[in-house]
Amino acid sequence: MNQPDACSTMCFYKELLLFDVNQPAPSFTKVLVWTVVVMIYTMVIFRMSLRNDQQEEFQEAKGREFQSMYNKRIEPTELAMAEFINAGVYAPIAEELFFRLFLFKTLLIKRLKLNKHVANVIQAILFGLFHISNMLHASNEVSNVYLQTIAATIGGFISGYAYMYSNSILPSFLAHAINNTLAIHSEVTSYEEIVRNIDQIYLEQQKQSQQ
């Protein structure tokens, strides 16, 4: 009686983690290598696709976003916790399961019988377009959303191939989580610096007014 349950559980995890359940699961080393490949290619290709003026525009938009957060009295620790839970944990799990497992493998390839390369392009574009929803957040400017959409499309495309050729969803998930966490660290560090500078200017003005 326990044998079918054990088989069902194993089949569930195989379907959840593997691109092709008829192929062996990758070794830890292979997962690690593919994770690094996804991270490097995503960052390099994204940087190469940006013009200098786009990078400057992105930094300026970030500065305005930080100013808005400061005006709302958002502490750096609050920003770090919220971003880590949302972008570092929830987003990689939810987005990889939906776009890579459900949309890419289950719907486009298994159900609709599309060529896997065509399916990968489709899921990457949809993954990028999904990030347009960031416009709904008041703190996100159009320029930020535009660059996030490009980055997500590139990342989704590379993650799809990593999923196929590593035969595991783990590399794309780990790369997604690590890249997001690194971005969060950079964002929080920059915000902390701005908060310190603004607070320092305010304290100096207070001292001058009291003299």
C-alpha atoms as a PDB file:
ATOM      1  CA  MET A   1       0.000   0.000   0.000  1.00  0.00           C
ATOM      2  CA  ASN A   2       2.903   2.340   0.716  1.00  0.00           C
ATOM      3  CA  GLN A   3       4.638   1.660  -2.587  1.00  0.00           C
ATOM      4  CA  PRO A   4       2.232   3.678  -4.823  1.00  0.00           C
ATOM      5  CA  ASP A   5       2.403   6.619  -2.404  1.00  0.00           C
ATOM      6  CA  ALA A   6       6.190   6.568  -2.455  1.00  0.00           C
ATOM      7  CA  CYS A   7       6.177   6.358  -6.249  1.00  0.00           C
ATOM      8  CA  SER A   8       3.686   9.221  -6.526  1.00  0.00           C
ATOM      9  CA  THR A   9       5.786  11.417  -4.254  1.00  0.00           C
ATOM     10  CA  MET A  10       8.966  10.664  -6.190  1.00  0.00           C
ATOM     11  CA  CYS A  11       7.242  11.303  -9.531  1.00  0.00           C
ATOM     12  CA  PHE A  12       5.895  14.607  -8.216  1.00  0.00           C
ATOM     13  CA  TYR A  13       9.351  15.844  -7.193  1.00  0.00           C
ATOM     14  CA  LYS A  14      10.871  14.674 -10.464  1.00  0.00           C
ATOM     15  CA  GLU A  15       8.216  16.530 -12.444  1.00  0.00           C
ATOM     16  CA  LEU A  16       8.751  19.585 -10.256  1.00  0.00           C
ATOM     17  CA  LEU A  17      12.541  19.689 -10.525  1.00  0.00           C
ATOM     18  CA  LEU A  18      13.484  18.036 -13.826  1.00  0.00           C
ATOM     19  CA  PHE A  19      12.910  19.248 -17.375  1.00  0.00           C
ATOM     20  CA  ASP A  20      12.827  15.670 -18.658  1.00  0.00           C
ATOM     21  CA  VAL A  21      11.907  13.058 -16.058  1.00  0.00           C
ATOM     22  CA  ASN A  22      13.273  10.320 -18.322  1.00  0.00           C
ATOM     23  CA  GLN A  23      16.768  11.781 -18.032  1.00  0.00           C
ATOM     24  CA  PRO A  24      18.917  11.539 -14.879  1.00  0.00           C
ATOM     25  CA  ALA A  25      19.002  14.392 -12.404  1.00  0.00           C
ATOM     26  CA  PRO A  26      22.151  16.531 -12.656  1.00  0.00           C
ATOM     27  CA  SER A  27      24.939  16.354 -10.112  1.00  0.00           C
ATOM     28  CA  PHE A  28      25.505  19.129  -7.582  1.00  0.00           C
ATOM     29  CA  THR A  29      28.529  20.275  -9.579  1.00  0.00           C
ATOM     30  CA  LYS A  30      26.495  20.550 -12.779  1.00  0.00           C
ATOM     31  CA  VAL A  31      23.779  22.538 -10.999  1.00  0.00           C
ATOM     32  CA  LEU A  32      26.410  24.868  -9.566  1.00  0.00           C
ATOM     33  CA  VAL A  33      28.119  25.374 -12.929  1.00  0.00           C
ATOM     34  CA  TRP A  34      24.855  26.165 -14.685  1.00  0.00           C
ATOM     35  CA  THR A  35      23.876  28.549 -11.911  1.00  0.00           C
ATOM     36  CA  VAL A  36      27.100  30.504 -12.423  1.00  0.00           C
ATOM     37  CA  VAL A  37      26.627  30.438 -16.206  1.00  0.00           C
ATOM     38  CA  VAL A  38      23.117  31.901 -15.936  1.00  0.00           C
ATOM     39  CA  MET A  39      24.287  34.622 -13.556  1.00  0.00           C
ATOM     40  CA  ILE A  40      27.279  35.660 -15.650  1.00  0.00           C
ATOM     41  CA  TYR A  41      25.574  35.581 -19.048  1.00  0.00           C
ATOM     42  CA  THR A  42      22.537  37.450 -17.751  1.00  0.00           C
ATOM     43  CA  MET A  43      24.613  40.259 -16.242  1.00  0.00           C
ATOM     44  CA  VAL A  44      27.078  40.521 -19.148  1.00  0.00           C
ATOM     45  CA  ILE A  45      24.459  40.529 -21.925  1.00  0.00           C
ATOM     46  CA  PHE A  46      22.282  43.002 -20.027  1.00  0.00           C
ATOM     47  CA  ARG A  47      25.223  45.373 -19.514  1.00  0.00           C
ATOM     48  CA  MET A  48      26.190  45.088 -23.171  1.00  0.00           C
ATOM     49  CA  SER A  49      22.639  45.875 -24.262  1.00  0.00           C
ATOM     50  CA  LEU A  50      22.558  49.168 -22.334  1.00  0.00           C
ATOM     51  CA  ARG A  51      23.735  52.475 -23.708  1.00  0.00           C
ATOM     52  CA  ASN A  52      25.578  54.889 -21.429  1.00  0.00           C
ATOM     53  CA  ASP A  53      22.660  57.297 -21.406  1.00  0.00           C
ATOM     54  CA  GLN A  54      20.318  54.477 -20.349  1.00  0.00           C
ATOM     55  CA  GLN A  55      22.585  53.621 -17.416  1.00  0.00           C
ATOM     56  CA  GLU A  56      22.700  57.275 -16.372  1.00  0.00           C
ATOM     57  CA  GLU A  57      18.923  57.567 -16.714  1.00  0.00           C
ATOM     58  CA  PHE A  58      18.495  54.455 -14.573  1.00  0.00           C
ATOM     59  CA  GLN A  59      20.729  55.873 -11.835  1.00  0.00           C
ATOM     60  CA  GLU A  60      18.880  59.189 -11.886  1.00  0.00           C
ATOM     61  CA  ALA A  61      15.532  57.410 -11.631  1.00  0.00           C
ATOM     62  CA  LYS A  62      16.858  55.357  -8.718  1.00  0.00           C
ATOM     63  CA  GLY A  63      17.920  58.554  -6.992  1.00  0.00           C
ATOM     64  CA  ARG A  64      14.412  59.982  -7.310  1.00  0.00           C
ATOM     65  CA  GLU A  65      12.958  56.708  -6.054  1.00  0.00           C
ATOM     66  CA  PHE A  66      15.247  56.800  -3.012  1.00  0.00           C
ATOM     67  CA  GLN A  67      14.247  60.390  -2.317  1.00  0.00           C
ATOM     68  CA  SER A  68      10.598  59.357  -2.427  1.00  0.00           C
ATOM     69  CA  MET A  69      11.251  56.523   0.044  1.00  0.00           C
ATOM     70  CA  TYR A  70      13.132  58.882   2.346  1.00  0.00           C
ATOM     71  CA  ASN A  71      10.231  61.331   2.284  1.00  0.00           C
ATOM     72  CA  LYS A  72       7.987  58.473   3.420  1.00  0.00           C
ATOM     73  CA  ARG A  73      10.405  57.808   6.300  1.00  0.00           C
ATOM     74  CA  ILE A  74      11.251  54.301   5.129  1.00  0.00           C
ATOM     75  CA  GLU A  75      14.235  52.950   7.062  1.00  0.00           C
ATOM     76  CA  PRO A  76      17.011  51.026   5.227  1.00  0.00           C
ATOM     77  CA  THR A  77      16.324  47.967   7.410  1.00  0.00           C
ATOM     78  CA  GLU A  78      12.638  48.060   6.441  1.00  0.00           C
ATOM     79  CA  LEU A  79      13.590  48.286   2.768  1.00  0.00           C
ATOM     80  CA  ALA A  80      16.050  45.391   3.116  1.00  0.00           C
ATOM     81  CA  MET A  81      13.546  43.090   4.829  1.00  0.00           C
ATOM     82  CA  ALA A  82      10.695  43.865   2.436  1.00  0.00           C
ATOM     83  CA  GLU A  83      12.862  43.482  -0.677  1.00  0.00           C
ATOM     84  CA  PHE A  84      14.489  40.267   0.554  1.00  0.00           C
ATOM     85  CA  ILE A  85      11.149  38.600   1.298  1.00  0.00           C
ATOM     86  CA  ASN A  86       9.600  39.776  -1.971  1.00  0.00           C
ATOM     87  CA  ALA A  87      12.462  39.729  -4.494  1.00  0.00           C
ATOM     88  CA  GLY A  88      14.912  37.368  -2.803  1.00  0.00           C
ATOM     89  CA  VAL A  89      12.560  34.569  -1.766  1.00  0.00           C
ATOM     90  CA  TYR A  90       8.998  34.859  -3.090  1.00  0.00           C
ATOM     91  CA  ALA A  91       9.726  36.075  -6.633  1.00  0.00           C
ATOM     92  CA  PRO A  92      12.277  33.368  -7.562  1.00  0.00           C
ATOM     93  CA  ILE A  93      10.023  30.572  -6.293  1.00  0.00           C
ATOM     94  CA  ALA A  94       6.773  31.857  -7.801  1.00  0.00           C
ATOM     95  CA  GLU A  95       8.208  33.067 -11.108  1.00  0.00           C
ATOM     96  CA  GLU A  96      10.398  30.030 -11.815  1.00  0.00           C
ATOM     97  CA  LEU A  97       7.560  27.621 -11.069  1.00  0.00           C
ATOM     98  CA  PHE A  98       5.081  29.550 -13.198  1.00  0.00           C
ATOM     99  CA  PHE A  99       7.190  30.642 -16.187  1.00  0.00           C
ATOM    100  CA  ARG A 100       9.708  27.811 -16.452  1.00  0.00           C
ATOM    101  CA  LEU A 101       7.785  24.816 -15.085  1.00  0.00           C
ATOM    102  CA  PHE A 102       4.158  25.550 -15.928  1.00  0.00           C
ATOM    103  CA  LEU A 103       4.304  27.885 -18.944  1.00  0.00           C
ATOM    104  CA  PHE A 104       7.496  26.699 -20.665  1.00  0.00           C
ATOM    105  CA  LYS A 105       7.545  22.962 -20.019  1.00  0.00           C
ATOM    106  CA  THR A 106       3.969  21.974 -19.204  1.00  0.00           C
ATOM    107  CA  LEU A 107       1.905  24.297 -21.403  1.00  0.00           C
ATOM    108  CA  LEU A 108       4.040  25.314 -24.396  1.00  0.00           C
ATOM    109  CA  ILE A 109       6.026  22.111 -24.886  1.00  0.00           C
ATOM    110  CA  LYS A 110       3.924  19.278 -23.471  1.00  0.00           C
ATOM    111  CA  ARG A 111       0.411  20.563 -24.152  1.00  0.00           C
ATOM    112  CA  LEU A 112       0.843  22.761 -27.221  1.00  0.00           C
ATOM    113  CA  LYS A 113       3.703  20.648 -28.655  1.00  0.00           C
ATOM    114  CA  LEU A 114       5.790  23.686 -29.629  1.00  0.00           C
ATOM    115  CA  ASN A 115       9.424  23.434 -30.591  1.00  0.00           C
ATOM    116  CA  LYS A 116      11.415  23.894 -27.374  1.00  0.00           C
ATOM    117  CA  HIS A 117      13.483  26.768 -28.799  1.00  0.00           C
ATOM    118  CA  VAL A 118      10.342  28.619 -29.933  1.00  0.00           C
ATOM    119  CA  ALA A 119       8.741  27.908 -26.565  1.00  0.00           C
ATOM    120  CA  ASN A 120      11.783  29.325 -24.794  1.00  0.00           C
ATOM    121  CA  VAL A 121      11.573  32.584 -26.756  1.00  0.00           C
ATOM    122  CA  ILE A 122       7.858  32.904 -25.984  1.00  0.00           C
ATOM    123  CA  GLN A 123       8.231  32.295 -22.252  1.00  0.00           C
ATOM    124  CA  ALA A 124      11.172  34.725 -22.060  1.00  0.00           C
ATOM    125  CA  ILE A 125       9.192  37.504 -23.754  1.00  0.00           C
ATOM    126  CA  LEU A 126       6.178  36.890 -21.527  1.00  0.00           C
ATOM    127  CA  PHE A 127       8.454  36.824 -18.485  1.00  0.00           C
ATOM    128  CA  GLY A 128       9.844  40.205 -19.505  1.00  0.00           C
ATOM    129  CA  LEU A 129       6.419  41.691 -20.200  1.00  0.00           C
ATOM    130  CA  PHE A 130       5.230  40.458 -16.817  1.00  0.00           C
ATOM    131  CA  HIS A 131       7.604  42.944 -15.184  1.00  0.00           C
ATOM    132  CA  ILE A 132       5.683  45.835 -16.736  1.00  0.00           C
ATOM    133  CA  SER A 133       3.343  45.273 -13.798  1.00  0.00           C
ATOM    134  CA  ASN A 134       5.982  47.097 -11.742  1.00  0.00           C
ATOM    135  CA  MET A 135       4.481  50.301 -13.164  1.00  0.00           C
ATOM    136  CA  LEU A 136       1.625  49.749 -10.748  1.00  0.00           C
ATOM    137  CA  HIS A 137       3.990  50.623  -7.923  1.00  0.00           C
ATOM    138  CA  ALA A 138       4.125  54.365  -7.444  1.00  0.00           C
ATOM    139  CA  SER A 139       7.834  54.324  -6.622  1.00  0.00           C
ATOM    140  CA  ASN A 140       8.788  52.718  -9.939  1.00  0.00           C
ATOM    141  CA  GLU A 141       9.346  55.066 -12.865  1.00  0.00           C
ATOM    142  CA  VAL A 142       8.816  54.135 -16.503  1.00  0.00           C
ATOM    143  CA  SER A 143      12.569  54.129 -17.187  1.00  0.00           C
ATOM    144  CA  ASN A 144      13.154  51.663 -14.342  1.00  0.00           C
ATOM    145  CA  VAL A 145      10.385  49.362 -15.543  1.00  0.00           C
ATOM    146  CA  TYR A 146      11.730  49.486 -19.110  1.00  0.00           C
ATOM    147  CA  LEU A 147      15.181  48.337 -17.995  1.00  0.00           C
ATOM    148  CA  GLN A 148      13.724  45.705 -15.653  1.00  0.00           C
ATOM    149  CA  THR A 149      11.698  44.333 -18.560  1.00  0.00           C
ATOM    150  CA  ILE A 150      14.806  44.033 -20.745  1.00  0.00           C
ATOM    151  CA  ALA A 151      16.759  42.376 -17.932  1.00  0.00           C
ATOM    152  CA  ALA A 152      13.915  39.953 -17.183  1.00  0.00           C
ATOM    153  CA  THR A 153      13.553  38.960 -20.859  1.00  0.00           C
ATOM    154  CA  ILE A 154      17.281  38.238 -21.161  1.00  0.00           C
ATOM    155  CA  GLY A 155      17.310  36.404 -17.839  1.00  0.00           C
ATOM    156  CA  GLY A 156      14.232  34.381 -18.765  1.00  0.00           C
ATOM    157  CA  PHE A 157      15.737  33.357 -22.112  1.00  0.00           C
ATOM    158  CA  ILE A 158      19.012  32.182 -20.561  1.00  0.00           C
ATOM    159  CA  SER A 159      17.210  30.513 -17.649  1.00  0.00           C
ATOM    160  CA  GLY A 160      15.039  28.573 -20.083  1.00  0.00           C
ATOM    161  CA  TYR A 161      18.097  27.089 -21.785  1.00  0.00           C
ATOM    162  CA  ALA A 162      19.686  26.351 -18.418  1.00  0.00           C
ATOM    163  CA  TYR A 163      16.515  24.498 -17.463  1.00  0.00           C
ATOM    164  CA  MET A 164      16.654  22.467 -20.684  1.00  0.00           C
ATOM    165  CA  TYR A 165      20.342  21.608 -20.817  1.00  0.00           C
ATOM    166  CA  SER A 166      20.973  21.089 -17.109  1.00  0.00           C
ATOM    167  CA  ASN A 167      17.696  19.122 -16.845  1.00  0.00           C
ATOM    168  CA  SER A 168      16.916  20.922 -13.594  1.00  0.00           C
ATOM    169  CA  ILE A 169      15.003  24.020 -12.515  1.00  0.00           C
ATOM    170  CA  LEU A 170      17.499  24.592  -9.691  1.00  0.00           C
ATOM    171  CA  PRO A 171      20.112  26.578 -11.691  1.00  0.00           C
ATOM    172  CA  SER A 172      17.569  29.120 -12.913  1.00  0.00           C
ATOM    173  CA  PHE A 173      16.002  29.347  -9.456  1.00  0.00           C
ATOM    174  CA  LEU A 174      19.340  29.789  -7.657  1.00  0.00           C
ATOM    175  CA  ALA A 175      20.626  32.309 -10.211  1.00  0.00           C
ATOM    176  CA  HIS A 176      17.345  34.223  -9.969  1.00  0.00           C
ATOM    177  CA  ALA A 177      17.521  34.310  -6.155  1.00  0.00           C
ATOM    178  CA  ILE A 178      21.226  35.241  -6.031  1.00  0.00           C
ATOM    179  CA  ASN A 179      20.963  37.967  -8.692  1.00  0.00           C
ATOM    180  CA  ASN A 180      17.949  39.461  -6.917  1.00  0.00           C
ATOM    181  CA  THR A 181      19.723  39.319  -3.556  1.00  0.00           C
ATOM    182  CA  LEU A 182      22.821  41.042  -4.982  1.00  0.00           C
ATOM    183  CA  ALA A 183      20.603  43.730  -6.501  1.00  0.00           C
ATOM    184  CA  ILE A 184      18.864  44.172  -3.147  1.00  0.00           C
ATOM    185  CA  HIS A 185      22.199  44.544  -1.358  1.00  0.00           C
ATOM    186  CA  SER A 186      23.332  47.179  -3.849  1.00  0.00           C
ATOM    187  CA  GLU A 187      20.020  49.033  -3.596  1.00  0.00           C
ATOM    188  CA  VAL A 188      19.947  49.029   0.203  1.00  0.00           C
ATOM    189  CA  THR A 189      23.598  50.098   0.419  1.00  0.00           C
ATOM    190  CA  SER A 190      22.960  53.013  -1.946  1.00  0.00           C
ATOM    191  CA  TYR A 191      19.831  54.000  -0.029  1.00  0.00           C
ATOM    192  CA  GLU A 192      21.704  53.872   3.294  1.00  0.00           C
ATOM    193  CA  GLU A 193      24.340  56.227   1.881  1.00  0.00           C
ATOM    194  CA  ILE A 194      21.697  58.686   0.698  1.00  0.00           C
ATOM    195  CA  VAL A 195      19.907  58.581   4.065  1.00  0.00           C
ATOM    196  CA  ARG A 196      23.172  59.249   5.910  1.00  0.00           C
ATOM    197  CA  ASN A 197      24.015  62.178   3.635  1.00  0.00           C
ATOM    198  CA  ILE A 198      20.557  63.740   3.952  1.00  0.00           C
ATOM    199  CA  ASP A 199      20.531  63.266   7.729  1.00  0.00           C
ATOM    200  CA  GLN A 200      24.006  64.781   7.992  1.00  0.00           C
ATOM    201  CA  ILE A 201      22.966  67.836   5.981  1.00  0.00           C
ATOM    202  CA  TYR A 202      19.867  68.213   8.160  1.00  0.00           C
ATOM    203  CA  LEU A 203      21.924  68.022  11.393  1.00  0.00           C
ATOM    204  CA  GLU A 204      24.371  70.604  10.102  1.00  0.00           C
ATOM    205  CA  GLN A 205      21.507  72.934   9.201  1.00  0.00           C
ATOM    206  CA  GLN A 206      20.033  72.464  12.668  1.00  0.00           C
ATOM    207  CA  LYS A 207      23.341  73.349  14.302  1.00  0.00           C
ATOM    208  CA  GLN A 208      23.710  76.451  12.164  1.00  0.00           C
ATOM    209  CA  SER A 209      20.165  77.620  13.007  1.00  0.00           C
ATOM    210  CA  GLN A 210      20.858  77.216  16.737  1.00  0.00           C
ATOM    211  CA  GLN A 211      24.046  79.307  16.633  1.00  0.00           C
END
